[in-house]
Amino acid sequence: MSRRPNVVPPQLLNLSLPLDVHSKLTLHLYSELEQRVPHGAYSRFIQERIREYFEHKQLDLASWANTDQGIFIVTAPSETIATLKLLLAGDLKP
């Protein structure tokens, strides 16, 4: 049986990582059951992180926490950041 073509065709990407980062990633993705990193695990992991990067926003809490910029930064989905801003501004009751 032949495979159906992908609706969104993949694009090959050659990625170079420092050895320590590659080692941590390999240990994280390693499957005891398969005794190796499963097929496609690197691609799935990178895709998830890239989607997360584009879907999440950051909010610096410096003005609410009375601290320097960059000390307390929250990263979350856009909707969560919008709600958090409303809560911190007092425009929304918890």
PDB file of N, CA and C in Angstrom:
ATOM      1  N   MET A   1       0.842  -1.170   0.000  1.00  0.00           N
ATOM      2  CA  MET A   1       0.000   0.000   0.000  1.00  0.00           C
ATOM      3  C   MET A   1       0.895   1.244   0.000  1.00  0.00           C
ATOM      4  N   SER A   2       0.632   2.154  -0.903  1.00  0.00           N
ATOM      5  CA  SER A   2       1.464   3.351  -0.992  1.00  0.00           C
ATOM      6  C   SER A   2       0.992   4.399   0.032  1.00  0.00           C
ATOM      7  N   ARG A   3       1.904   5.254   0.396  1.00  0.00           N
ATOM      8  CA  ARG A   3       1.603   6.308   1.366  1.00  0.00           C
ATOM      9  C   ARG A   3       0.918   7.471   0.673  1.00  0.00           C
ATOM     10  N   ARG A   4      -0.017   8.091   1.383  1.00  0.00           N
ATOM     11  CA  ARG A   4      -0.650   9.296   0.865  1.00  0.00           C
ATOM     12  C   ARG A   4       0.316  10.459   1.017  1.00  0.00           C
ATOM     13  N   PRO A   5       0.313  11.377   0.060  1.00  0.00           N
ATOM     14  CA  PRO A   5       1.220  12.530   0.181  1.00  0.00           C
ATOM     15  C   PRO A   5       0.800  13.439   1.332  1.00  0.00           C
ATOM     16  N   ASN A   6       1.793  14.075   1.958  1.00  0.00           N
ATOM     17  CA  ASN A   6       1.529  15.029   3.032  1.00  0.00           C
ATOM     18  C   ASN A   6       0.782  16.237   2.495  1.00  0.00           C
ATOM     19  N   VAL A   7      -0.181  16.730   3.252  1.00  0.00           N
ATOM     20  CA  VAL A   7      -0.879  17.951   2.870  1.00  0.00           C
ATOM     21  C   VAL A   7       0.108  19.117   2.892  1.00  0.00           C
ATOM     22  N   VAL A   8       0.945  19.123   3.915  1.00  0.00           N
ATOM     23  CA  VAL A   8       2.005  20.127   4.018  1.00  0.00           C
ATOM     24  C   VAL A   8       3.324  19.378   3.823  1.00  0.00           C
ATOM     25  N   PRO A   9       3.943  19.538   2.663  1.00  0.00           N
ATOM     26  CA  PRO A   9       5.173  18.776   2.417  1.00  0.00           C
ATOM     27  C   PRO A   9       6.308  19.219   3.346  1.00  0.00           C
ATOM     28  N   PRO A  10       7.103  18.264   3.801  1.00  0.00           N
ATOM     29  CA  PRO A  10       8.224  18.613   4.674  1.00  0.00           C
ATOM     30  C   PRO A  10       9.350  19.298   3.911  1.00  0.00           C
ATOM     31  N   GLN A  11      10.111  20.088   4.622  1.00  0.00           N
ATOM     32  CA  GLN A  11      11.284  20.762   4.055  1.00  0.00           C
ATOM     33  C   GLN A  11      12.495  20.312   4.862  1.00  0.00           C
ATOM     34  N   LEU A  12      13.472  19.776   4.210  1.00  0.00           N
ATOM     35  CA  LEU A  12      14.674  19.287   4.875  1.00  0.00           C
ATOM     36  C   LEU A  12      15.459  20.457   5.466  1.00  0.00           C
ATOM     37  N   LEU A  13      15.911  20.287   6.691  1.00  0.00           N
ATOM     38  CA  LEU A  13      16.690  21.307   7.388  1.00  0.00           C
ATOM     39  C   LEU A  13      17.918  20.643   7.992  1.00  0.00           C
ATOM     40  N   ASN A  14      19.074  21.162   7.677  1.00  0.00           N
ATOM     41  CA  ASN A  14      20.307  20.661   8.242  1.00  0.00           C
ATOM     42  C   ASN A  14      20.609  21.501   9.474  1.00  0.00           C
ATOM     43  N   LEU A  15      20.620  20.876  10.641  1.00  0.00           N
ATOM     44  CA  LEU A  15      20.757  21.590  11.909  1.00  0.00           C
ATOM     45  C   LEU A  15      22.022  21.140  12.617  1.00  0.00           C
ATOM     46  N   SER A  16      22.792  22.096  13.081  1.00  0.00           N
ATOM     47  CA  SER A  16      24.018  21.801  13.809  1.00  0.00           C
ATOM     48  C   SER A  16      23.856  22.267  15.247  1.00  0.00           C
ATOM     49  N   LEU A  17      24.094  21.362  16.200  1.00  0.00           N
ATOM     50  CA  LEU A  17      23.969  21.681  17.619  1.00  0.00           C
ATOM     51  C   LEU A  17      25.301  21.453  18.324  1.00  0.00           C
ATOM     52  N   PRO A  18      25.585  22.241  19.351  1.00  0.00           N
ATOM     53  CA  PRO A  18      26.767  21.944  20.166  1.00  0.00           C
ATOM     54  C   PRO A  18      26.620  20.556  20.793  1.00  0.00           C
ATOM     55  N   LEU A  19      27.719  19.880  21.003  1.00  0.00           N
ATOM     56  CA  LEU A  19      27.715  18.506  21.498  1.00  0.00           C
ATOM     57  C   LEU A  19      26.945  18.372  22.811  1.00  0.00           C
ATOM     58  N   ASP A  20      27.109  19.318  23.739  1.00  0.00           N
ATOM     59  CA  ASP A  20      26.421  19.197  25.025  1.00  0.00           C
ATOM     60  C   ASP A  20      24.901  19.312  24.867  1.00  0.00           C
ATOM     61  N   VAL A  21      24.438  20.177  23.973  1.00  0.00           N
ATOM     62  CA  VAL A  21      23.005  20.330  23.719  1.00  0.00           C
ATOM     63  C   VAL A  21      22.465  19.069  23.042  1.00  0.00           C
ATOM     64  N   HIS A  22      23.203  18.558  22.066  1.00  0.00           N
ATOM     65  CA  HIS A  22      22.792  17.331  21.375  1.00  0.00           C
ATOM     66  C   HIS A  22      22.708  16.160  22.357  1.00  0.00           C
ATOM     67  N   SER A  23      23.663  16.060  23.248  1.00  0.00           N
ATOM     68  CA  SER A  23      23.668  14.967  24.233  1.00  0.00           C
ATOM     69  C   SER A  23      22.458  15.043  25.156  1.00  0.00           C
ATOM     70  N   LYS A  24      22.148  16.247  25.652  1.00  0.00           N
ATOM     71  CA  LYS A  24      20.975  16.421  26.518  1.00  0.00           C
ATOM     72  C   LYS A  24      19.691  16.073  25.774  1.00  0.00           C
ATOM     73  N   LEU A  25      19.597  16.522  24.536  1.00  0.00           N
ATOM     74  CA  LEU A  25      18.407  16.246  23.738  1.00  0.00           C
ATOM     75  C   LEU A  25      18.264  14.751  23.479  1.00  0.00           C
ATOM     76  N   THR A  26      19.356  14.092  23.147  1.00  0.00           N
ATOM     77  CA  THR A  26      19.331  12.651  22.894  1.00  0.00           C
ATOM     78  C   THR A  26      18.909  11.897  24.147  1.00  0.00           C
ATOM     79  N   LEU A  27      19.434  12.272  25.299  1.00  0.00           N
ATOM     80  CA  LEU A  27      19.038  11.623  26.557  1.00  0.00           C
ATOM     81  C   LEU A  27      17.564  11.866  26.861  1.00  0.00           C
ATOM     82  N   HIS A  28      17.079  13.062  26.547  1.00  0.00           N
ATOM     83  CA  HIS A  28      15.680  13.395  26.790  1.00  0.00           C
ATOM     84  C   HIS A  28      14.746  12.573  25.901  1.00  0.00           C
ATOM     85  N   LEU A  29      15.127  12.356  24.659  1.00  0.00           N
ATOM     86  CA  LEU A  29      14.271  11.667  23.692  1.00  0.00           C
ATOM     87  C   LEU A  29      14.458  10.149  23.675  1.00  0.00           C
ATOM     88  N   TYR A  30      15.494   9.656  24.333  1.00  0.00           N
ATOM     89  CA  TYR A  30      15.833   8.235  24.296  1.00  0.00           C
ATOM     90  C   TYR A  30      14.694   7.382  24.856  1.00  0.00           C
ATOM     91  N   SER A  31      14.393   6.291  24.177  1.00  0.00           N
ATOM     92  CA  SER A  31      13.346   5.366  24.603  1.00  0.00           C
ATOM     93  C   SER A  31      13.983   4.092  25.145  1.00  0.00           C
ATOM     94  N   GLU A  32      13.709   3.799  26.400  1.00  0.00           N
ATOM     95  CA  GLU A  32      14.214   2.553  26.997  1.00  0.00           C
ATOM     96  C   GLU A  32      13.599   1.347  26.283  1.00  0.00           C
ATOM     97  N   LEU A  33      12.348   1.480  25.893  1.00  0.00           N
ATOM     98  CA  LEU A  33      11.661   0.384  25.228  1.00  0.00           C
ATOM     99  C   LEU A  33      12.320   0.037  23.892  1.00  0.00           C
ATOM    100  N   GLU A  34      12.637   1.068  23.101  1.00  0.00           N
ATOM    101  CA  GLU A  34      13.246   0.833  21.789  1.00  0.00           C
ATOM    102  C   GLU A  34      14.773   0.769  21.845  1.00  0.00           C
ATOM    103  N   GLN A  35      15.346   1.161  22.978  1.00  0.00           N
ATOM    104  CA  GLN A  35      16.800   1.194  23.148  1.00  0.00           C
ATOM    105  C   GLN A  35      17.466   2.132  22.148  1.00  0.00           C
ATOM    106  N   ARG A  36      16.760   3.212  21.792  1.00  0.00           N
ATOM    107  CA  ARG A  36      17.285   4.223  20.876  1.00  0.00           C
ATOM    108  C   ARG A  36      16.337   5.415  20.902  1.00  0.00           C
ATOM    109  N   VAL A  37      16.706   6.460  20.189  1.00  0.00           N
ATOM    110  CA  VAL A  37      15.798   7.589  19.998  1.00  0.00           C
ATOM    111  C   VAL A  37      14.829   7.176  18.894  1.00  0.00           C
ATOM    112  N   PRO A  38      13.519   7.221  19.155  1.00  0.00           N
ATOM    113  CA  PRO A  38      12.550   6.789  18.144  1.00  0.00           C
ATOM    114  C   PRO A  38      12.640   7.585  16.847  1.00  0.00           C
ATOM    115  N   HIS A  39      12.266   6.946  15.758  1.00  0.00           N
ATOM    116  CA  HIS A  39      12.276   7.578  14.440  1.00  0.00           C
ATOM    117  C   HIS A  39      11.397   8.831  14.461  1.00  0.00           C
ATOM    118  N   GLY A  40      11.933   9.947  14.024  1.00  0.00           N
ATOM    119  CA  GLY A  40      11.180  11.194  13.943  1.00  0.00           C
ATOM    120  C   GLY A  40      11.112  11.998  15.231  1.00  0.00           C
ATOM    121  N   ALA A  41      11.701  11.489  16.314  1.00  0.00           N
ATOM    122  CA  ALA A  41      11.599  12.174  17.607  1.00  0.00           C
ATOM    123  C   ALA A  41      12.294  13.537  17.597  1.00  0.00           C
ATOM    124  N   TYR A  42      13.440  13.624  16.950  1.00  0.00           N
ATOM    125  CA  TYR A  42      14.133  14.915  16.876  1.00  0.00           C
ATOM    126  C   TYR A  42      13.267  15.938  16.131  1.00  0.00           C
ATOM    127  N   SER A  43      12.712  15.532  15.004  1.00  0.00           N
ATOM    128  CA  SER A  43      11.881  16.436  14.202  1.00  0.00           C
ATOM    129  C   SER A  43      10.651  16.892  14.990  1.00  0.00           C
ATOM    130  N   ARG A  44       9.968  15.952  15.639  1.00  0.00           N
ATOM    131  CA  ARG A  44       8.782  16.321  16.422  1.00  0.00           C
ATOM    132  C   ARG A  44       9.129  17.293  17.536  1.00  0.00           C
ATOM    133  N   PHE A  45      10.247  17.040  18.214  1.00  0.00           N
ATOM    134  CA  PHE A  45      10.657  17.916  19.308  1.00  0.00           C
ATOM    135  C   PHE A  45      10.937  19.329  18.800  1.00  0.00           C
ATOM    136  N   ILE A  46      11.706  19.445  17.726  1.00  0.00           N
ATOM    137  CA  ILE A  46      12.044  20.755  17.162  1.00  0.00           C
ATOM    138  C   ILE A  46      10.791  21.456  16.658  1.00  0.00           C
ATOM    139  N   GLN A  47       9.889  20.735  15.987  1.00  0.00           N
ATOM    140  CA  GLN A  47       8.642  21.339  15.512  1.00  0.00           C
ATOM    141  C   GLN A  47       7.812  21.888  16.669  1.00  0.00           C
ATOM    142  N   GLU A  48       7.700  21.125  17.749  1.00  0.00           N
ATOM    143  CA  GLU A  48       6.934  21.577  18.913  1.00  0.00           C
ATOM    144  C   GLU A  48       7.543  22.841  19.517  1.00  0.00           C
ATOM    145  N   ARG A  49       8.867  22.879  19.629  1.00  0.00           N
ATOM    146  CA  ARG A  49       9.512  24.058  20.209  1.00  0.00           C
ATOM    147  C   ARG A  49       9.333  25.281  19.312  1.00  0.00           C
ATOM    148  N   ILE A  50       9.400  25.093  17.984  1.00  0.00           N
ATOM    149  CA  ILE A  50       9.223  26.219  17.062  1.00  0.00           C
ATOM    150  C   ILE A  50       7.795  26.737  17.122  1.00  0.00           C
ATOM    151  N   ARG A  51       6.819  25.823  17.127  1.00  0.00           N
ATOM    152  CA  ARG A  51       5.415  26.252  17.253  1.00  0.00           C
ATOM    153  C   ARG A  51       5.189  26.984  18.573  1.00  0.00           C
ATOM    154  N   GLU A  52       5.764  26.448  19.641  1.00  0.00           N
ATOM    155  CA  GLU A  52       5.655  27.080  20.962  1.00  0.00           C
ATOM    156  C   GLU A  52       6.248  28.490  20.924  1.00  0.00           C
ATOM    157  N   TYR A  53       7.372  28.650  20.276  1.00  0.00           N
ATOM    158  CA  TYR A  53       8.029  29.950  20.174  1.00  0.00           C
ATOM    159  C   TYR A  53       7.110  30.977  19.512  1.00  0.00           C
ATOM    160  N   PHE A  54       6.451  30.581  18.432  1.00  0.00           N
ATOM    161  CA  PHE A  54       5.602  31.516  17.702  1.00  0.00           C
ATOM    162  C   PHE A  54       4.239  31.725  18.356  1.00  0.00           C
ATOM    163  N   GLU A  55       3.749  30.752  19.125  1.00  0.00           N
ATOM    164  CA  GLU A  55       2.428  30.859  19.741  1.00  0.00           C
ATOM    165  C   GLU A  55       2.464  31.497  21.126  1.00  0.00           C
ATOM    166  N   HIS A  56       3.616  31.526  21.767  1.00  0.00           N
ATOM    167  CA  HIS A  56       3.730  32.075  23.108  1.00  0.00           C
ATOM    168  C   HIS A  56       4.247  33.511  23.063  1.00  0.00           C
ATOM    169  N   LYS A  57       3.852  34.268  24.056  1.00  0.00           N
ATOM    170  CA  LYS A  57       4.322  35.646  24.216  1.00  0.00           C
ATOM    171  C   LYS A  57       4.999  35.760  25.570  1.00  0.00           C
ATOM    172  N   GLN A  58       5.753  36.843  25.734  1.00  0.00           N
ATOM    173  CA  GLN A  58       6.434  37.094  27.008  1.00  0.00           C
ATOM    174  C   GLN A  58       5.904  38.376  27.640  1.00  0.00           C
ATOM    175  N   LEU A  59       5.865  38.387  28.954  1.00  0.00           N
ATOM    176  CA  LEU A  59       5.467  39.569  29.704  1.00  0.00           C
ATOM    177  C   LEU A  59       6.496  39.801  30.795  1.00  0.00           C
ATOM    178  N   ASP A  60       7.109  40.975  30.779  1.00  0.00           N
ATOM    179  CA  ASP A  60       8.078  41.351  31.812  1.00  0.00           C
ATOM    180  C   ASP A  60       7.299  41.965  32.964  1.00  0.00           C
ATOM    181  N   LEU A  61       7.424  41.398  34.143  1.00  0.00           N
ATOM    182  CA  LEU A  61       6.677  41.839  35.317  1.00  0.00           C
ATOM    183  C   LEU A  61       7.377  42.938  36.107  1.00  0.00           C
ATOM    184  N   ALA A  62       8.396  43.556  35.525  1.00  0.00           N
ATOM    185  CA  ALA A  62       9.199  44.550  36.243  1.00  0.00           C
ATOM    186  C   ALA A  62       8.356  45.680  36.828  1.00  0.00           C
ATOM    187  N   SER A  63       7.437  46.219  36.056  1.00  0.00           N
ATOM    188  CA  SER A  63       6.660  47.357  36.555  1.00  0.00           C
ATOM    189  C   SER A  63       5.709  46.951  37.680  1.00  0.00           C
ATOM    190  N   TRP A  64       5.246  45.705  37.710  1.00  0.00           N
ATOM    191  CA  TRP A  64       4.354  45.256  38.776  1.00  0.00           C
ATOM    192  C   TRP A  64       5.135  44.710  39.971  1.00  0.00           C
ATOM    193  N   ALA A  65       6.322  44.191  39.747  1.00  0.00           N
ATOM    194  CA  ALA A  65       7.110  43.578  40.817  1.00  0.00           C
ATOM    195  C   ALA A  65       8.143  44.532  41.401  1.00  0.00           C
ATOM    196  N   ASN A  66       8.210  45.755  40.865  1.00  0.00           N
ATOM    197  CA  ASN A  66       9.159  46.747  41.357  1.00  0.00           C
ATOM    198  C   ASN A  66      10.607  46.240  41.284  1.00  0.00           C
ATOM    199  N   THR A  67      10.964  45.644  40.150  1.00  0.00           N
ATOM    200  CA  THR A  67      12.315  45.112  39.964  1.00  0.00           C
ATOM    201  C   THR A  67      12.884  45.641  38.654  1.00  0.00           C
ATOM    202  N   ASP A  68      14.123  45.304  38.393  1.00  0.00           N
ATOM    203  CA  ASP A  68      14.757  45.666  37.127  1.00  0.00           C
ATOM    204  C   ASP A  68      14.137  44.860  35.992  1.00  0.00           C
ATOM    205  N   GLN A  69      14.243  45.386  34.773  1.00  0.00           N
ATOM    206  CA  GLN A  69      13.752  44.694  33.591  1.00  0.00           C
ATOM    207  C   GLN A  69      14.477  43.361  33.435  1.00  0.00           C
ATOM    208  N   GLY A  70      13.756  42.327  33.032  1.00  0.00           N
ATOM    209  CA  GLY A  70      14.353  41.035  32.737  1.00  0.00           C
ATOM    210  C   GLY A  70      14.507  40.100  33.909  1.00  0.00           C
ATOM    211  N   ILE A  71      14.122  40.523  35.102  1.00  0.00           N
ATOM    212  CA  ILE A  71      14.260  39.656  36.282  1.00  0.00           C
ATOM    213  C   ILE A  71      13.122  38.638  36.337  1.00  0.00           C
ATOM    214  N   PHE A  72      11.874  39.111  36.191  1.00  0.00           N
ATOM    215  CA  PHE A  72      10.695  38.249  36.235  1.00  0.00           C
ATOM    216  C   PHE A  72       9.982  38.320  34.894  1.00  0.00           C
ATOM    217  N   ILE A  73      10.157  37.294  34.089  1.00  0.00           N
ATOM    218  CA  ILE A  73       9.525  37.237  32.776  1.00  0.00           C
ATOM    219  C   ILE A  73       8.648  35.989  32.711  1.00  0.00           C
ATOM    220  N   VAL A  74       7.401  36.193  32.297  1.00  0.00           N
ATOM    221  CA  VAL A  74       6.452  35.097  32.156  1.00  0.00           C
ATOM    222  C   VAL A  74       6.307  34.791  30.669  1.00  0.00           C
ATOM    223  N   THR A  75       6.389  33.525  30.304  1.00  0.00           N
ATOM    224  CA  THR A  75       6.160  33.087  28.931  1.00  0.00           C
ATOM    225  C   THR A  75       4.958  32.165  28.940  1.00  0.00           C
ATOM    226  N   ALA A  76       3.977  32.488  28.088  1.00  0.00           N
ATOM    227  CA  ALA A  76       2.735  31.715  28.066  1.00  0.00           C
ATOM    228  C   ALA A  76       2.012  31.957  26.745  1.00  0.00           C
ATOM    229  N   PRO A  77       0.937  31.185  26.490  1.00  0.00           N
ATOM    230  CA  PRO A  77       0.139  31.454  25.290  1.00  0.00           C
ATOM    231  C   PRO A  77      -0.394  32.888  25.304  1.00  0.00           C
ATOM    232  N   SER A  78      -0.626  33.441  24.133  1.00  0.00           N
ATOM    233  CA  SER A  78      -1.054  34.835  23.991  1.00  0.00           C
ATOM    234  C   SER A  78      -2.273  35.165  24.847  1.00  0.00           C
ATOM    235  N   GLU A  79      -3.262  34.265  24.866  1.00  0.00           N
ATOM    236  CA  GLU A  79      -4.488  34.503  25.634  1.00  0.00           C
ATOM    237  C   GLU A  79      -4.190  34.608  27.127  1.00  0.00           C
ATOM    238  N   THR A  80      -3.274  33.791  27.612  1.00  0.00           N
ATOM    239  CA  THR A  80      -2.904  33.814  29.025  1.00  0.00           C
ATOM    240  C   THR A  80      -2.217  35.131  29.378  1.00  0.00           C
ATOM    241  N   ILE A  81      -1.330  35.594  28.516  1.00  0.00           N
ATOM    242  CA  ILE A  81      -0.637  36.865  28.752  1.00  0.00           C
ATOM    243  C   ILE A  81      -1.640  38.015  28.763  1.00  0.00           C
ATOM    244  N   ALA A  82      -2.604  38.011  27.845  1.00  0.00           N
ATOM    245  CA  ALA A  82      -3.620  39.066  27.800  1.00  0.00           C
ATOM    246  C   ALA A  82      -4.442  39.075  29.083  1.00  0.00           C
ATOM    247  N   THR A  83      -4.832  37.900  29.566  1.00  0.00           N
ATOM    248  CA  THR A  83      -5.603  37.797  30.808  1.00  0.00           C
ATOM    249  C   THR A  83      -4.773  38.238  32.001  1.00  0.00           C
ATOM    250  N   LEU A  84      -3.511  37.860  32.037  1.00  0.00           N
ATOM    251  CA  LEU A  84      -2.624  38.253  33.127  1.00  0.00           C
ATOM    252  C   LEU A  84      -2.462  39.767  33.176  1.00  0.00           C
ATOM    253  N   LYS A  85      -2.336  40.401  32.009  1.00  0.00           N
ATOM    254  CA  LYS A  85      -2.240  41.876  31.965  1.00  0.00           C
ATOM    255  C   LYS A  85      -3.494  42.518  32.548  1.00  0.00           C
ATOM    256  N   LEU A  86      -4.673  41.971  32.202  1.00  0.00           N
ATOM    257  CA  LEU A  86      -5.931  42.502  32.748  1.00  0.00           C
ATOM    258  C   LEU A  86      -5.995  42.330  34.263  1.00  0.00           C
ATOM    259  N   LEU A  87      -5.571  41.164  34.739  1.00  0.00           N
ATOM    260  CA  LEU A  87      -5.556  40.909  36.186  1.00  0.00           C
ATOM    261  C   LEU A  87      -4.616  41.874  36.912  1.00  0.00           C
ATOM    262  N   LEU A  88      -3.438  42.075  36.352  1.00  0.00           N
ATOM    263  CA  LEU A  88      -2.457  42.955  36.985  1.00  0.00           C
ATOM    264  C   LEU A  88      -2.892  44.412  36.934  1.00  0.00           C
ATOM    265  N   ALA A  89      -3.640  44.780  35.902  1.00  0.00           N
ATOM    266  CA  ALA A  89      -4.133  46.150  35.790  1.00  0.00           C
ATOM    267  C   ALA A  89      -5.365  46.392  36.652  1.00  0.00           C
ATOM    268  N   GLY A  90      -5.939  45.322  37.199  1.00  0.00           N
ATOM    269  CA  GLY A  90      -7.134  45.442  38.029  1.00  0.00           C
ATOM    270  C   GLY A  90      -8.419  45.519  37.230  1.00  0.00           C
ATOM    271  N   ASP A  91      -8.341  45.239  35.939  1.00  0.00           N
ATOM    272  CA  ASP A  91      -9.529  45.297  35.085  1.00  0.00           C
ATOM    273  C   ASP A  91     -10.313  44.000  35.055  1.00  0.00           C
ATOM    274  N   LEU A  92      -9.791  42.969  35.712  1.00  0.00           N
ATOM    275  CA  LEU A  92     -10.441  41.669  35.728  1.00  0.00           C
ATOM    276  C   LEU A  92     -10.332  41.106  37.136  1.00  0.00           C
ATOM    277  N   LYS A  93     -11.433  40.605  37.645  1.00  0.00           N
ATOM    278  CA  LYS A  93     -11.436  40.002  38.986  1.00  0.00           C
ATOM    279  C   LYS A  93     -11.051  38.534  38.876  1.00  0.00           C
ATOM    280  N   PRO A  94     -10.219  38.054  39.820  1.00  0.00           N
ATOM    281  CA  PRO A  94      -9.809  36.641  39.792  1.00  0.00           C
ATOM    282  C   PRO A  94     -10.956  35.702  40.079  1.00  0.00           C
TER     283      PRO A  94
END
